[in-house]
Protein backbone atom coordinates (compact mmCIF):
# COMPACT_ATOMS: atom_id res chain seq x y z
CA UNK A 1 9.20 26.88 2.59
CA UNK A 2 6.20 25.62 0.26
CA UNK A 3 4.25 22.40 1.40
CA UNK A 4 4.55 19.70 -1.13
CA UNK A 5 1.44 19.10 -3.56
CA UNK A 6 1.15 16.79 -6.17
CA UNK A 7 -0.85 16.53 -9.53
CA UNK A 8 -1.66 13.09 -10.70
CA UNK A 9 -1.75 12.54 -14.47
CA UNK A 10 -3.47 9.20 -15.98
CA UNK A 11 -2.48 8.39 -19.13
CA UNK A 12 -3.20 4.84 -21.17
CA UNK A 13 -1.13 2.68 -19.16
CA UNK A 14 0.94 5.34 -17.18
CA UNK A 15 0.82 7.30 -14.12
CA UNK A 16 2.87 10.45 -13.58
CA UNK A 17 3.25 12.68 -10.16
CA UNK A 18 4.22 16.34 -10.93
CA UNK A 19 5.57 17.50 -7.64
CA UNK A 20 5.30 21.07 -6.53
CA UNK A 21 7.07 22.94 -3.43
CA UNK A 22 9.43 21.12 -0.94
CA UNK A 23 10.54 17.42 -0.75
CA UNK A 24 11.76 17.58 2.71
CA UNK A 25 10.28 15.35 5.69
CA UNK A 26 6.76 16.20 5.69
CA UNK A 27 6.95 16.30 1.63
CA UNK A 28 8.38 12.92 2.10
CA UNK A 29 5.60 11.33 3.66
CA UNK A 30 3.31 12.85 1.12
CA UNK A 31 5.33 11.13 -1.72
CA UNK A 32 5.35 7.95 -0.05
CA UNK A 33 1.74 7.84 0.65
CA UNK A 34 1.46 8.55 -3.27
CA UNK A 35 3.53 5.56 -4.17
CA UNK A 36 1.36 3.35 -1.85
CA UNK A 37 -1.62 4.44 -3.61
CA UNK A 38 -0.60 4.43 -7.31
CA UNK A 39 1.69 1.03 -7.37
CA UNK A 40 2.29 1.59 -11.25
CA UNK A 41 4.21 5.34 -11.17
CA UNK A 42 6.39 5.75 -14.18
CA UNK A 43 7.39 9.15 -14.12
CA UNK A 44 7.92 11.73 -11.41
CA UNK A 45 8.49 15.34 -12.52
CA UNK A 46 10.51 17.22 -10.22
CA UNK A 47 10.77 20.32 -12.15
CA UNK A 48 8.82 22.14 -9.74
CA UNK A 49 10.44 21.23 -6.51
CA UNK A 50 12.03 24.04 -4.86
CA UNK A 51 14.09 22.27 -2.22
CA UNK A 52 15.08 18.81 -1.66
CA UNK A 53 16.60 17.17 1.66
CA UNK A 54 17.77 13.83 2.57
CA UNK A 55 14.30 12.54 3.37
CA UNK A 56 13.11 13.40 -0.07
CA UNK A 57 16.01 11.56 -1.46
CA UNK A 58 15.26 8.61 0.63
CA UNK A 59 11.61 8.86 -0.68
CA UNK A 60 12.80 8.87 -4.30
CA UNK A 61 15.07 5.98 -3.84
CA UNK A 62 12.40 4.02 -1.93
CA UNK A 63 9.88 4.96 -4.74
CA UNK A 64 12.46 3.77 -7.39
CA UNK A 65 12.73 0.41 -5.53
CA UNK A 66 9.07 -0.24 -5.13
CA UNK A 67 8.56 0.54 -8.97
CA UNK A 68 11.08 -1.99 -9.75
CA UNK A 69 9.75 -4.58 -7.51
CA UNK A 70 6.37 -3.79 -9.08
CA UNK A 71 7.70 -4.19 -12.84
CA UNK A 72 7.81 -0.61 -13.66
CA UNK A 73 10.76 1.79 -14.76
CA UNK A 74 10.47 4.92 -12.98
CA UNK A 75 11.99 7.90 -14.76
CA UNK A 76 12.28 11.15 -13.14
CA UNK A 77 12.05 14.62 -14.89
CA UNK A 78 14.94 16.73 -13.66
CA UNK A 79 14.76 19.47 -11.08
CA UNK A 80 15.81 22.85 -11.67
CA UNK A 81 19.67 23.29 -11.59
CA UNK A 82 19.89 24.31 -7.97
CA UNK A 83 18.01 21.29 -6.86
CA UNK A 84 19.77 18.91 -9.06
CA UNK A 85 23.17 19.52 -7.53
CA UNK A 86 22.13 17.26 -4.53
CA UNK A 87 21.92 14.46 -6.62
CA UNK A 88 25.16 14.72 -8.05
CA UNK A 89 26.97 15.49 -4.75
CA UNK A 90 25.25 12.35 -3.28
CA UNK A 91 25.74 10.21 -6.72
CA UNK A 92 21.94 9.41 -7.05
CA UNK A 93 22.07 11.06 -10.57
CA UNK A 94 23.88 7.52 -11.17
CA UNK A 95 21.28 5.61 -8.99
CA UNK A 96 18.19 7.23 -10.52
CA UNK A 97 16.60 7.06 -13.95
CA UNK A 98 16.59 10.88 -15.16
CA UNK A 99 14.61 12.06 -18.53
CA UNK A 100 17.03 13.25 -21.09
CA UNK A 101 16.77 16.79 -21.65
CA UNK A 102 17.74 18.72 -24.65
């Protein structure tokens, strides 16, 4: 298991978080701290997330809700296929906004 790390990118008018590692209970705490620190995150890149559990899913839903309250549309860069399945199984693929991929 790899502890969650995040790279923060600032572009004019946009903040992006690129996550690396496991979005589990510990990783969810890291994500929640980042969302508290950066109130206008427009994109979270999940393409380098190794695993995700219910705590991670909940943190993403909370992040989406918080961004909506801040007037920001949060978009997720899809994770690898093995991780993406959990979004399908839980129905969160319809609740959260994912960047279209080719």
